[in-house]
């Protein structure tokens, strides 16, 4: 039954039904005084193959051009795909490219430059150009299965209003604290686990805007990535899939939080950089560690706090550990990419290094100011990063090989050897894998074994990079005429062999760090 007051349209059966007058007309129909049918494009413009534009009654109204409408339609399609992904858990949609490919620069100290040189040396004369070689290598070395840009966009929609914090994945926290934590020990495990318990006891909305939640997910992701593979996957999902899911959740929370300047966010960016580094995406790693550095500098944790600081001792120690751990990672990543770092002059950074419990200190600080022995690696890594910077400035930035370059390479090798000798005995690596390990090393704590392994690999890596540039840029005539050049090249090859042997032996006996 029809509702009251609603009358059906009256039609005259003996006359042609007139179409209602269009509420608006396009510009062409208005000029021609045609009856516009209010379609887009209207029938008249479509038949005459002209652009159909609706200005409205005001001259200053926006032009609804075909390009504008097509862009709107494209946005609707993309948002619809995201909505389906969020609601139905379907496969990730393909997001079309919106422009040129990302521009990525790799300098002379990067692995891309090394591989590009080797590739050109093996090609026939007149082959591909240097730029083409570099672009092809960057494309081949990228891990297409790991795309932070797309994953974060999907995750930001998927997680709105929902958070479980995955307490069943706490095994990944253990994996982190028994591996990567020993290389970059800026977190306090006891304090972190206490905050995790608080997080697990809350509902999703209570911690939705917490920067610690973003850090928490990044720790889970990194622990899943570098930890041992479980015989029975958690929830039927493998570690790698868990790592990427948790990585997406961490990034989504960072995006929603925006520009937050607190220590949790600095540490979160640091972890995201390590994840990208281990996922073979160094470009994104460089970007995230840059965010961490900028946030840390904005907080001022690179500066020694005043005597009147109201922060507690635990907070001050955490800032110290985080800043110097970030300092070494930024230098490492910048050199590995052949790009400048964002640290600036060391005069800006007057923060004291962590005070280790068993080392002598004239000022005799209270015991609560001490850090445990495994934190001593932070200063050792900073010292190594400064040698790294010297290698970059002295060896890789000059474009030609000179006797001075060769002499500088040997001087830097001496700096490396002195650095090894300055390391605490418990984490001092052997400079050669020849011969059996002393039996007493078996009783060393796990953190000492991990740190000794990492520092040994990094020593040989820098030795390779110091003398490897001489191998790549010198001619056969220079190798026979410049004194010390041939011997330097042999040192490079010896360290390369030592690195291969170390990794091989490690893989034989351990199941960690399988994403070199």
Foldseek 3Di string as FASTA:
>chain_A
DDDPPDDDDDDDPVDDDDDDQDPFAWPVCVVVVHRFPPDVVTPVCVVVVHWTWTQDPDVPRDTPGPVNVVVVVLVVVVVVQLVCCQPPVDDQDDRDDDDDPDDAAFACLAVLVVVLLVVVVPDDPPDDDSVVSSVVVVVVLDDPVADQVSLLVSLLSNPVPADQLPPVLCVLLVLLCLAVCLLQVLDDVVVLVVVVVVVNVDGCVVCLQPLLSLLSLLSSLLSLLFGFWDPQDDVNDTSNVSSRSSNSNSSSSPVVNDDDQDPSNLNSLQSNLVSCVLSSNLVSSLVSLLSSQVSLVVVVLLEADDPPDPDDLSVNSSSQSSVLSSLLVQLVSCSNRVHDGDPPDCVSRPHDHQAAQPDDDPVPDDNSSHDHPSSVVSVLSSLVSVLSVVLCVLARPDQADDLVLLVVLVVSLVSLVVSLVPDDPLQREDQAPPDDDDPVNVPRDSSSVNNNLVSNLVSLVVLLSSLVSLVSRDDPVCCVPRPPNVVSNVSNVRSVVRNVVSVVVCVVPDRGPPRD
